Amino acid sequence: MLYSASFLDPRFKALPFLTEEEQLEIHANVVAEAAALERQVNSEEAEVESDTPQQEGPAPKRRPSALVTLLGKTFTEVSVVRRSARSRAEEELKKNLKAHPLSLSENLLSWWRTHQTAFPLLAGLAKRYLCIPGTSVAAESFLHRWRYSDSTAKQSHSSTC
């Protein structure tokens, strides 16, 4: 999970701290998760569409225009090739790897906001991973409490001796 989050951070997407095999494994995991997220979103959208009431009665028939009558099916039927969620995720991953890395001083959330149209599947994963805080307690607060409890324990131990 940490490595996937690191990959989704545009500053560290090269994963220089991992071997090449580990990098490929992380890439495969990210592609699988992005494809699963895409399928989940599509199924939820299909449920919402099926829940909305349909229009009553048949739609009124429109007379085709002269241009449609003249040119017929040649220009009106456009075949759209639907690619799988996995192939779209793989394509996004490749484009993301080719994109310039973010400098350490720039805001990664702003970067994802501006690039979410170019990488919609990876942006969804970035929202899922990058919203997790690194710690649940401020580190300074934790360390202060630890030092305080450690010093009071030493004082009570030395007074009993």
C-alpha atoms as a PDB file:
ATOM      1  CA  MET A   1       0.000   0.000   0.000  1.00  0.00           C
ATOM      2  CA  LEU A   2       2.834   2.382   0.827  1.00  0.00           C
ATOM      3  CA  TYR A   3       4.537   1.726  -2.497  1.00  0.00           C
ATOM      4  CA  SER A   4       1.286   2.233  -4.411  1.00  0.00           C
ATOM      5  CA  ALA A   5       0.790   5.550  -2.631  1.00  0.00           C
ATOM      6  CA  SER A   6       4.396   6.480  -3.433  1.00  0.00           C
ATOM      7  CA  PHE A   7       3.815   5.689  -7.095  1.00  0.00           C
ATOM      8  CA  LEU A   8       0.700   7.874  -7.132  1.00  0.00           C
ATOM      9  CA  ASP A   9       2.735  10.775  -5.746  1.00  0.00           C
ATOM     10  CA  PRO A  10       4.050  12.449  -8.926  1.00  0.00           C
ATOM     11  CA  ARG A  11       7.254  13.379  -7.115  1.00  0.00           C
ATOM     12  CA  PHE A  12       8.204   9.740  -6.445  1.00  0.00           C
ATOM     13  CA  LYS A  13       6.496   7.837  -9.286  1.00  0.00           C
ATOM     14  CA  ALA A  14       9.832   6.500 -10.546  1.00  0.00           C
ATOM     15  CA  LEU A  15      10.141   4.462  -7.314  1.00  0.00           C
ATOM     16  CA  PRO A  16      13.958   4.728  -7.308  1.00  0.00           C
ATOM     17  CA  PHE A  17      14.150   2.982  -3.928  1.00  0.00           C
ATOM     18  CA  LEU A  18      12.807  -0.306  -5.383  1.00  0.00           C
ATOM     19  CA  THR A  19      14.314  -2.892  -7.687  1.00  0.00           C
ATOM     20  CA  GLU A  20      13.019  -3.073 -11.246  1.00  0.00           C
ATOM     21  CA  GLU A  21      11.026  -6.235 -10.468  1.00  0.00           C
ATOM     22  CA  GLU A  22       9.382  -4.554  -7.474  1.00  0.00           C
ATOM     23  CA  GLN A  23       8.560  -1.514  -9.611  1.00  0.00           C
ATOM     24  CA  LEU A  24       6.876  -3.718 -12.225  1.00  0.00           C
ATOM     25  CA  GLU A  25       4.922  -5.464  -9.474  1.00  0.00           C
ATOM     26  CA  ILE A  26       3.708  -2.125  -8.111  1.00  0.00           C
ATOM     27  CA  HIS A  27       2.746  -1.020 -11.652  1.00  0.00           C
ATOM     28  CA  ALA A  28       0.743  -4.229 -12.125  1.00  0.00           C
ATOM     29  CA  ASN A  29      -0.994  -3.731  -8.761  1.00  0.00           C
ATOM     30  CA  VAL A  30      -1.876  -0.116  -9.601  1.00  0.00           C
ATOM     31  CA  VAL A  31      -3.263  -1.142 -13.005  1.00  0.00           C
ATOM     32  CA  ALA A  32      -5.363  -3.899 -11.407  1.00  0.00           C
ATOM     33  CA  GLU A  33      -6.702  -1.537  -8.735  1.00  0.00           C
ATOM     34  CA  ALA A  34      -7.477   1.209 -11.269  1.00  0.00           C
ATOM     35  CA  ALA A  35      -9.332  -1.270 -13.490  1.00  0.00           C
ATOM     36  CA  ALA A  36     -11.288  -2.588 -10.493  1.00  0.00           C
ATOM     37  CA  LEU A  37     -12.175   0.965  -9.471  1.00  0.00           C
ATOM     38  CA  GLU A  38     -13.368   1.716 -13.028  1.00  0.00           C
ATOM     39  CA  ARG A  39     -15.568  -1.394 -13.070  1.00  0.00           C
ATOM     40  CA  GLN A  40     -16.986  -0.486  -9.639  1.00  0.00           C
ATOM     41  CA  VAL A  41     -17.813   3.064 -10.757  1.00  0.00           C
ATOM     42  CA  ASN A  42     -19.413   1.790 -13.971  1.00  0.00           C
ATOM     43  CA  SER A  43     -21.581  -0.719 -12.107  1.00  0.00           C
ATOM     44  CA  GLU A  44     -22.699   1.972  -9.641  1.00  0.00           C
ATOM     45  CA  GLU A  45     -23.592   4.290 -12.534  1.00  0.00           C
ATOM     46  CA  ALA A  46     -25.573   1.481 -14.179  1.00  0.00           C
ATOM     47  CA  GLU A  47     -27.506   0.956 -10.937  1.00  0.00           C
ATOM     48  CA  VAL A  48     -28.335   4.661 -10.731  1.00  0.00           C
ATOM     49  CA  GLU A  49     -29.511   4.686 -14.355  1.00  0.00           C
ATOM     50  CA  SER A  50     -31.730   1.639 -13.792  1.00  0.00           C
ATOM     51  CA  ASP A  51     -33.259   3.278 -10.700  1.00  0.00           C
ATOM     52  CA  THR A  52     -34.293   6.447 -12.549  1.00  0.00           C
ATOM     53  CA  PRO A  53     -37.841   6.271 -13.947  1.00  0.00           C
ATOM     54  CA  GLN A  54     -38.109   5.880 -17.696  1.00  0.00           C
ATOM     55  CA  GLN A  55     -40.207   8.171 -19.877  1.00  0.00           C
ATOM     56  CA  GLU A  56     -43.772   6.928 -20.349  1.00  0.00           C
ATOM     57  CA  GLY A  57     -44.853   5.916 -23.831  1.00  0.00           C
ATOM     58  CA  PRO A  58     -42.862   5.760 -27.065  1.00  0.00           C
ATOM     59  CA  ALA A  59     -40.885   8.766 -28.214  1.00  0.00           C
ATOM     60  CA  PRO A  60     -42.419  10.645 -31.128  1.00  0.00           C
ATOM     61  CA  LYS A  61     -40.906   9.606 -34.457  1.00  0.00           C
ATOM     62  CA  ARG A  62     -38.913  12.250 -36.260  1.00  0.00           C
ATOM     63  CA  ARG A  63     -38.609  12.421 -39.998  1.00  0.00           C
ATOM     64  CA  PRO A  64     -34.957  11.987 -41.099  1.00  0.00           C
ATOM     65  CA  SER A  65     -33.267  15.000 -42.629  1.00  0.00           C
ATOM     66  CA  ALA A  66     -32.471  15.147 -46.312  1.00  0.00           C
ATOM     67  CA  LEU A  67     -28.766  14.779 -45.577  1.00  0.00           C
ATOM     68  CA  VAL A  68     -29.347  11.561 -43.615  1.00  0.00           C
ATOM     69  CA  THR A  69     -31.606  10.252 -46.356  1.00  0.00           C
ATOM     70  CA  LEU A  70     -29.041  11.084 -49.039  1.00  0.00           C
ATOM     71  CA  LEU A  71     -25.894   9.758 -47.336  1.00  0.00           C
ATOM     72  CA  GLY A  72     -27.583   7.008 -45.379  1.00  0.00           C
ATOM     73  CA  LYS A  73     -25.655   4.794 -43.002  1.00  0.00           C
ATOM     74  CA  THR A  74     -22.255   5.753 -44.366  1.00  0.00           C
ATOM     75  CA  PHE A  75     -21.851   8.739 -42.071  1.00  0.00           C
ATOM     76  CA  THR A  76     -24.477   8.176 -39.389  1.00  0.00           C
ATOM     77  CA  GLU A  77     -23.261   4.910 -37.893  1.00  0.00           C
ATOM     78  CA  VAL A  78     -20.021   5.439 -36.066  1.00  0.00           C
ATOM     79  CA  SER A  79     -18.422   2.388 -34.567  1.00  0.00           C
ATOM     80  CA  VAL A  80     -16.972   3.008 -31.137  1.00  0.00           C
ATOM     81  CA  VAL A  81     -14.416   0.525 -29.943  1.00  0.00           C
ATOM     82  CA  ARG A  82     -14.821  -0.016 -26.206  1.00  0.00           C
ATOM     83  CA  ARG A  83     -11.553  -0.827 -24.550  1.00  0.00           C
ATOM     84  CA  SER A  84     -11.366  -2.751 -21.338  1.00  0.00           C
ATOM     85  CA  ALA A  85     -10.804  -0.993 -18.041  1.00  0.00           C
ATOM     86  CA  ARG A  86      -7.473  -2.783 -17.747  1.00  0.00           C
ATOM     87  CA  SER A  87      -6.194  -1.524 -21.118  1.00  0.00           C
ATOM     88  CA  ARG A  88      -7.254   2.045 -20.255  1.00  0.00           C
ATOM     89  CA  ALA A  89      -5.471   1.759 -16.897  1.00  0.00           C
ATOM     90  CA  GLU A  90      -2.314   0.450 -18.586  1.00  0.00           C
ATOM     91  CA  GLU A  91      -2.400   3.330 -21.068  1.00  0.00           C
ATOM     92  CA  GLU A  92      -2.797   5.878 -18.266  1.00  0.00           C
ATOM     93  CA  LEU A  93       0.091   4.323 -16.353  1.00  0.00           C
ATOM     94  CA  LYS A  94       2.365   4.566 -19.395  1.00  0.00           C
ATOM     95  CA  LYS A  95       1.384   8.199 -20.023  1.00  0.00           C
ATOM     96  CA  ASN A  96       1.899   9.015 -16.341  1.00  0.00           C
ATOM     97  CA  LEU A  97       5.382   7.493 -16.366  1.00  0.00           C
ATOM     98  CA  LYS A  98       6.297   9.603 -19.403  1.00  0.00           C
ATOM     99  CA  ALA A  99       5.034  12.831 -17.810  1.00  0.00           C
ATOM    100  CA  HIS A 100       7.556  15.072 -16.088  1.00  0.00           C
ATOM    101  CA  PRO A 101       7.882  14.442 -12.355  1.00  0.00           C
ATOM    102  CA  LEU A 102       6.698  17.058  -9.906  1.00  0.00           C
ATOM    103  CA  SER A 103       9.323  19.029  -8.001  1.00  0.00           C
ATOM    104  CA  LEU A 104       9.481  18.543  -4.238  1.00  0.00           C
ATOM    105  CA  SER A 105       8.314  22.102  -3.589  1.00  0.00           C
ATOM    106  CA  GLU A 106       5.075  21.757  -5.596  1.00  0.00           C
ATOM    107  CA  ASN A 107       1.718  20.619  -4.217  1.00  0.00           C
ATOM    108  CA  LEU A 108       0.816  17.110  -5.350  1.00  0.00           C
ATOM    109  CA  LEU A 109      -2.926  17.569  -4.723  1.00  0.00           C
ATOM    110  CA  SER A 110      -2.947  20.591  -7.026  1.00  0.00           C
ATOM    111  CA  TRP A 111      -1.078  18.523  -9.598  1.00  0.00           C
ATOM    112  CA  TRP A 112      -3.728  15.797  -9.484  1.00  0.00           C
ATOM    113  CA  ARG A 113      -6.516  18.390  -9.711  1.00  0.00           C
ATOM    114  CA  THR A 114      -5.066  19.759 -12.951  1.00  0.00           C
ATOM    115  CA  HIS A 115      -4.237  16.312 -14.383  1.00  0.00           C
ATOM    116  CA  GLN A 116      -7.375  14.383 -13.397  1.00  0.00           C
ATOM    117  CA  THR A 117      -8.789  14.676 -16.915  1.00  0.00           C
ATOM    118  CA  ALA A 118      -5.613  13.204 -18.428  1.00  0.00           C
ATOM    119  CA  PHE A 119      -5.453  10.377 -15.866  1.00  0.00           C
ATOM    120  CA  PRO A 120      -9.015   9.774 -14.610  1.00  0.00           C
ATOM    121  CA  LEU A 121      -8.420   6.224 -13.347  1.00  0.00           C
ATOM    122  CA  LEU A 122      -5.149   7.044 -11.601  1.00  0.00           C
ATOM    123  CA  ALA A 123      -6.705  10.224 -10.186  1.00  0.00           C
ATOM    124  CA  GLY A 124      -9.404   8.094  -8.573  1.00  0.00           C
ATOM    125  CA  LEU A 125      -6.746   5.925  -6.973  1.00  0.00           C
ATOM    126  CA  ALA A 126      -4.783   8.993  -5.909  1.00  0.00           C
ATOM    127  CA  LYS A 127      -7.873  10.298  -4.104  1.00  0.00           C
ATOM    128  CA  ARG A 128      -8.231   6.956  -2.386  1.00  0.00           C
ATOM    129  CA  TYR A 129      -4.588   6.659  -1.268  1.00  0.00           C
ATOM    130  CA  LEU A 130      -3.370  10.213  -0.783  1.00  0.00           C
ATOM    131  CA  CYS A 131      -6.193  11.141   1.596  1.00  0.00           C
ATOM    132  CA  ILE A 132      -4.753   8.796   4.231  1.00  0.00           C
ATOM    133  CA  PRO A 133      -2.758  10.789   6.800  1.00  0.00           C
ATOM    134  CA  GLY A 134       0.802   9.672   7.443  1.00  0.00           C
ATOM    135  CA  THR A 135       0.103   9.653  11.178  1.00  0.00           C
ATOM    136  CA  SER A 136      -3.099   9.900  13.158  1.00  0.00           C
ATOM    137  CA  VAL A 137      -1.461  11.996  15.885  1.00  0.00           C
ATOM    138  CA  ALA A 138       0.895  14.879  15.377  1.00  0.00           C
ATOM    139  CA  ALA A 139       4.392  13.474  15.835  1.00  0.00           C
ATOM    140  CA  GLU A 140       5.445  16.328  18.114  1.00  0.00           C
ATOM    141  CA  SER A 141       2.477  15.703  20.398  1.00  0.00           C
ATOM    142  CA  PHE A 142       3.245  12.008  20.605  1.00  0.00           C
ATOM    143  CA  LEU A 143       6.924  12.583  21.343  1.00  0.00           C
ATOM    144  CA  HIS A 144       6.132  15.220  23.987  1.00  0.00           C
ATOM    145  CA  ARG A 145       3.763  12.836  25.776  1.00  0.00           C
ATOM    146  CA  TRP A 146       6.290  10.026  25.570  1.00  0.00           C
ATOM    147  CA  ARG A 147       9.061  12.215  27.043  1.00  0.00           C
ATOM    148  CA  TYR A 148       6.728  13.465  29.773  1.00  0.00           C
ATOM    149  CA  SER A 149       5.584   9.964  30.774  1.00  0.00           C
ATOM    150  CA  ASP A 150       9.157   8.652  30.633  1.00  0.00           C
ATOM    151  CA  SER A 151      10.464  11.448  32.893  1.00  0.00           C
ATOM    152  CA  THR A 152       7.643  11.003  35.431  1.00  0.00           C
ATOM    153  CA  ALA A 153       8.262   7.256  35.526  1.00  0.00           C
ATOM    154  CA  LYS A 154      11.970   7.863  36.234  1.00  0.00           C
ATOM    155  CA  GLN A 155      11.106  10.336  39.006  1.00  0.00           C
ATOM    156  CA  SER A 156       8.694   7.980  40.718  1.00  0.00           C
ATOM    157  CA  HIS A 157      11.196   5.109  40.420  1.00  0.00           C
ATOM    158  CA  SER A 158      14.065   7.161  41.928  1.00  0.00           C
ATOM    159  CA  SER A 159      11.922   8.378  44.849  1.00  0.00           C
ATOM    160  CA  THR A 160      11.053   4.799  45.849  1.00  0.00           C
ATOM    161  CA  CYS A 161      14.693   3.683  45.998  1.00  0.00           C
END
